[in-house]
Protein backbone atom coordinates (compact mmCIF):
# COMPACT_ATOMS: atom_id res chain seq x y z
CA MET A 1 0.02 -0.10 0.05
CA ASN A 2 1.46 3.48 -1.02
CA ALA A 3 1.48 6.55 0.89
CA ARG A 4 -1.19 8.09 -0.90
CA HIS A 5 -3.61 5.35 -0.28
CA MET A 6 -2.50 5.24 3.31
CA ALA A 7 -3.57 8.85 3.51
CA ARG A 8 -6.94 7.87 1.96
CA LEU A 9 -7.50 5.42 4.30
CA THR A 10 -6.71 7.41 7.81
CA LEU A 11 -9.34 9.93 6.02
CA ILE A 12 -11.98 7.46 5.27
CA ALA A 13 -11.82 4.91 7.75
CA PRO A 14 -12.19 7.14 11.01
CA THR A 15 -15.13 9.01 9.37
CA LEU A 16 -17.14 5.81 8.46
CA VAL A 17 -17.03 4.77 12.02
CA GLY A 18 -18.07 7.87 13.49
CA LEU A 19 -20.78 8.68 10.86
CA CYS A 20 -21.98 4.68 11.68
CA THR A 21 -21.96 5.56 15.09
CA LEU A 22 -23.91 8.90 15.05
CA GLY A 23 -26.53 6.78 12.93
CA VAL A 24 -26.23 3.99 15.30
CA TRP A 25 -27.09 6.62 18.36
CA GLU A 26 -29.74 9.02 16.41
CA ALA A 27 -31.63 5.37 15.61
CA ALA A 28 -31.35 4.28 19.06
CA CYS A 29 -32.53 7.86 20.97
CA ARG A 30 -35.37 7.59 18.01
CA LEU A 31 -36.61 4.12 18.75
CA LEU A 32 -35.89 3.90 22.50
CA SER A 33 -38.01 7.47 22.73
CA ILE A 34 -35.24 8.54 25.21
CA PRO A 35 -35.89 11.94 26.11
CA SER A 36 -33.39 14.91 25.16
CA TYR A 37 -32.77 15.91 29.02
CA LEU A 38 -31.65 12.83 29.63
CA PHE A 39 -29.51 11.77 26.51
CA PRO A 40 -30.18 13.64 23.32
CA ALA A 41 -29.97 12.49 20.09
CA PRO A 42 -27.23 13.65 17.61
CA SER A 43 -30.17 15.83 15.90
CA ASP A 44 -30.79 17.62 19.18
CA ILE A 45 -27.14 18.30 19.97
CA ALA A 46 -27.02 20.17 16.29
CA ALA A 47 -30.06 21.70 17.13
CA SER A 48 -28.97 23.35 20.13
CA LEU A 49 -25.73 24.26 18.23
CA HIS A 50 -27.06 26.01 15.96
CA ALA A 51 -29.39 27.97 18.14
CA ASN A 52 -26.61 28.74 20.54
CA TRP A 53 -23.70 29.23 18.42
CA PRO A 54 -22.94 32.58 19.12
CA MET A 55 -22.81 31.87 22.66
CA LEU A 56 -21.07 28.94 22.39
CA LEU A 57 -18.30 30.75 20.11
CA HIS A 58 -17.56 33.26 22.35
CA ALA A 59 -16.86 30.61 24.91
CA LEU A 60 -15.02 28.23 22.69
CA GLY A 61 -12.65 31.73 22.23
CA SER A 62 -11.95 32.02 26.02
CA THR A 63 -11.20 28.15 26.59
CA LEU A 64 -9.22 28.55 23.07
CA GLN A 65 -6.98 31.53 24.59
CA VAL A 66 -6.39 30.26 27.81
CA THR A 67 -5.52 26.80 26.30
CA LEU A 68 -3.02 28.47 23.52
CA VAL A 69 -1.37 30.68 25.94
CA SER A 70 -0.64 27.96 28.33
CA LEU A 71 0.69 26.09 25.84
CA LEU A 72 2.99 28.79 24.79
CA VAL A 73 4.40 29.20 28.43
CA SER A 74 4.19 25.35 28.55
CA VAL A 75 6.39 24.96 25.71
CA VAL A 76 8.84 27.81 26.33
CA LEU A 77 9.30 27.23 29.96
CA GLY A 78 9.49 23.55 30.08
CA THR A 79 12.39 23.69 27.37
CA ALA A 80 14.14 26.29 29.16
CA ILE A 81 13.95 24.00 32.07
CA ALA A 82 15.17 20.85 30.12
CA VAL A 83 17.91 22.84 28.96
CA VAL A 84 19.45 23.94 31.80
CA LEU A 85 18.58 20.43 33.76
CA VAL A 86 20.47 18.31 31.19
CA GLN A 87 23.77 20.46 31.28
CA HIS A 88 24.37 19.28 35.31
CA LYS A 89 23.29 15.63 36.31
CA LEU A 90 23.01 17.18 40.26
CA LEU A 91 20.43 19.69 39.04
CA GLN A 92 18.63 17.01 37.28
CA VAL A 93 18.51 14.69 40.34
CA SER A 94 17.79 17.13 42.38
CA PHE A 95 14.77 19.11 40.65
CA MET A 96 13.35 16.35 38.68
CA PRO A 97 11.12 14.62 41.76
CA TYR A 98 9.76 17.91 42.29
CA VAL A 99 8.77 18.12 38.83
CA ILE A 100 7.22 14.90 38.75
CA ILE A 101 5.53 15.85 41.75
CA LEU A 102 3.56 18.74 40.03
CA GLN A 103 2.49 15.75 37.08
CA VAL A 104 1.34 13.49 39.80
CA THR A 105 -0.71 16.28 41.84
CA PRO A 106 -4.13 16.71 41.32
CA ILE A 107 -4.97 20.03 39.53
CA ALA A 108 -8.29 20.07 40.67
CA ALA A 109 -6.76 19.78 44.27
CA VAL A 110 -4.70 22.93 43.44
CA ALA A 111 -6.56 25.01 41.08
CA PRO A 112 -8.74 26.18 44.17
CA LEU A 113 -5.61 27.60 46.18
CA ILE A 114 -4.33 28.80 42.75
CA ILE A 115 -6.99 30.38 42.17
CA VAL A 116 -7.73 32.00 45.76
CA LEU A 117 -4.02 33.49 45.58
CA VAL A 118 -3.72 34.65 42.24
CA LYS A 119 -6.25 37.96 41.74
CA THR A 120 -6.35 37.87 38.38
CA THR A 121 -9.10 35.39 36.60
CA GLY A 122 -7.13 34.77 33.78
CA VAL A 123 -3.75 34.59 34.98
CA ALA A 124 -5.08 31.62 37.20
CA LEU A 125 -6.46 29.58 34.33
CA VAL A 126 -3.49 29.83 32.53
CA LEU A 127 -1.26 29.09 35.33
CA CYS A 128 -3.48 26.15 35.99
CA ALA A 129 -3.52 24.71 32.66
CA THR A 130 0.49 25.39 32.75
CA LEU A 131 0.68 22.71 35.42
CA ILE A 132 -0.61 19.96 33.96
CA ALA A 133 1.27 20.60 30.29
CA ILE A 134 4.58 21.49 30.94
CA PHE A 135 5.40 18.00 32.26
CA PRO A 136 5.91 16.03 28.79
CA VAL A 137 7.61 19.20 27.21
CA ILE A 138 10.13 19.02 30.20
CA SER A 139 10.16 14.93 30.47
CA ASN A 140 10.08 14.38 26.62
CA THR A 141 13.01 17.50 25.72
CA LEU A 142 14.87 15.72 28.46
CA ILE A 143 15.09 12.68 27.31
CA GLY A 144 15.94 14.27 23.86
CA LEU A 145 18.35 16.32 24.85
CA GLY A 146 20.22 13.26 26.65
CA ALA A 147 19.97 10.63 24.09
CA VAL A 148 22.64 11.81 21.49
CA ASP A 149 24.69 9.68 19.32
CA PRO A 150 27.74 8.29 21.23
CA GLY A 151 29.88 8.33 18.18
CA LEU A 152 29.30 11.80 17.62
CA GLU A 153 29.35 13.26 21.00
CA ALA A 154 32.82 11.50 21.48
CA TYR A 155 33.37 13.40 17.82
CA PHE A 156 32.86 16.86 19.25
CA ARG A 157 34.48 16.15 22.41
CA MET A 158 37.53 15.34 20.17
CA HIS A 159 37.22 18.45 18.58
CA LYS A 160 37.12 20.32 21.55
CA ALA A 161 33.83 21.46 21.02
CA THR A 162 32.29 23.84 23.72
CA ARG A 163 29.01 23.26 26.14
CA MET A 164 26.87 25.67 24.25
CA GLN A 165 28.06 24.60 20.78
CA THR A 166 27.21 20.90 21.51
CA LEU A 167 23.93 21.94 22.79
CA LEU A 168 23.24 24.05 19.84
CA ARG A 169 24.88 21.67 17.01
CA LEU A 170 24.36 18.26 18.68
CA ARG A 171 21.60 18.00 21.34
CA ILE A 172 18.95 20.33 20.33
CA PRO A 173 18.94 18.56 16.44
CA SER A 174 18.82 15.43 18.48
CA ALA A 175 16.23 16.55 20.81
CA LEU A 176 13.82 17.54 17.88
CA PRO A 177 11.34 14.39 17.69
CA MET A 178 11.21 13.54 21.18
CA PHE A 179 10.64 17.94 21.59
CA MET A 180 7.56 17.68 19.07
CA ALA A 181 6.31 14.43 20.38
CA GLY A 182 6.15 15.95 23.75
CA VAL A 183 4.26 19.59 22.33
CA ARG A 184 1.85 17.27 20.74
CA ILE A 185 0.95 15.51 24.16
CA ALA A 186 1.18 18.86 25.93
CA SER A 187 -1.02 20.75 23.43
CA GLY A 188 -4.18 18.15 24.49
CA LEU A 189 -3.47 18.56 28.14
CA ALA A 190 -3.41 22.29 28.15
CA LEU A 191 -6.80 21.88 26.74
CA VAL A 192 -8.15 19.48 29.80
CA GLY A 193 -5.80 22.16 32.13
CA ALA A 194 -8.22 24.92 30.85
CA VAL A 195 -11.43 23.02 30.75
CA VAL A 196 -10.54 21.96 34.38
CA ALA A 197 -9.83 25.23 35.60
CA GLU A 198 -12.75 27.06 34.23
CA PHE A 199 -14.95 24.21 36.11
CA VAL A 200 -13.23 25.27 39.56
CA ALA A 201 -13.34 28.86 38.82
CA GLY A 202 -16.58 29.09 37.66
CA THR A 203 -15.85 32.27 35.79
CA GLY A 204 -19.15 33.69 33.89
CA GLY A 205 -19.84 37.08 32.07
CA ASN A 206 -16.89 37.94 29.46
CA SER A 207 -14.38 35.47 30.55
CA ALA A 208 -16.76 32.66 30.77
CA GLY A 209 -15.57 29.32 28.50
CA LEU A 210 -17.05 26.12 27.49
CA ALA A 211 -17.00 24.75 30.60
CA TYR A 212 -19.07 27.39 32.34
CA GLU A 213 -21.43 26.62 29.94
CA ILE A 214 -21.85 23.09 30.82
CA LEU A 215 -22.40 24.05 34.28
CA GLN A 216 -24.80 26.66 33.26
CA SER A 217 -26.36 23.58 30.81
CA GLY A 218 -26.64 21.12 33.77
CA PHE A 219 -28.05 23.63 36.34
CA GLN A 220 -30.80 24.50 33.72
CA MET A 221 -31.40 20.77 32.56
CA ASP A 222 -30.19 22.16 29.17
CA ILE A 223 -28.60 18.71 28.19
CA PRO A 224 -28.32 19.11 24.51
CA ARG A 225 -26.57 22.66 24.88
CA MET A 226 -23.98 20.62 27.55
CA PHE A 227 -23.23 18.07 24.85
CA ALA A 228 -22.88 20.82 22.20
CA ALA A 229 -20.22 22.44 24.49
CA LEU A 230 -18.40 18.83 24.84
CA PHE A 231 -18.62 18.46 21.15
CA LEU A 232 -16.89 22.06 20.74
CA ILE A 233 -14.46 20.66 23.13
CA THR A 234 -13.59 17.20 21.62
CA VAL A 235 -13.23 18.95 17.62
CA THR A 236 -10.63 22.01 19.32
CA GLY A 237 -8.46 18.98 21.07
CA LEU A 238 -8.74 16.94 17.57
CA VAL A 239 -7.75 20.95 15.56
CA LEU A 240 -4.95 20.81 18.39
CA HIS A 241 -3.50 17.33 17.98
CA GLY A 242 -3.78 17.90 14.32
CA GLY A 243 -2.15 21.03 13.72
CA MET A 244 0.88 19.57 16.47
CA THR A 245 1.02 17.01 13.86
CA THR A 246 1.57 18.94 10.73
CA ILE A 247 4.01 21.36 12.36
CA GLU A 248 5.78 18.13 13.38
CA ARG A 249 5.87 16.96 9.89
CA LEU A 250 6.81 20.17 8.60
CA LEU A 251 10.29 20.44 11.29
CA LEU A 252 11.10 16.96 10.73
CA GLY A 253 9.47 15.22 7.47
CA ARG A 254 12.82 14.49 6.21
CA TRP A 255 14.39 12.62 9.19
CA MET A 256 10.70 11.03 9.33
CA ARG A 257 10.40 8.01 7.80
CA PRO A 258 7.37 7.01 5.91
CA ALA A 259 4.89 4.49 6.86
CA THR A 260 4.74 1.20 5.42
């Protein structure tokens, strides 16, 4: 199977599975006469999405803004931390356990404290999302920076390359695949962190995000609107993942082997 047929199959197969799932879902809701306030059919969700589109679009923009800012902060800060830690083994051994602690601590337990301490709601939301998204950037970049070819590393030492020259010309290029994998994972985690932080903050008004729309829909028993907001979160996650994958292919296309 050549690359073109594989690309078509990659697009067509998930689409067919999704359409079949929606068809079965719609038929089950209609045949079993399930009320929309219990479990809405796809047609009910689509109708709610159309009716509430301006409000949901505004909420999507708020959530997406927090997600993108936290992703950017995670990439910049996580990369800087990894570069510093890889320079000295003692630093890596000393600080890596605390990085892991940040990862394993539930953000739902930490977010209320952050929101109370940080007066600006937007900054608090970004900080909560960053705490979730930063770990894969640090971890993957650190692994990539340390996993250099021993022969090339010996070659650099033989030519008396400085630490900065080795970092810029050997370690960073070698770490790009692992770094991009970490960024791809972080893009999804940043969205999760933004939604969780919005749930905890419960912000309304102009800064209301999709999590607030889900909460309000639950209070008002408007379940189709709740599912419409969940649908937008899902689509946003897929778009972010697809965007990161595209960027990865553009940056690493010459070094990535085609699928067989």
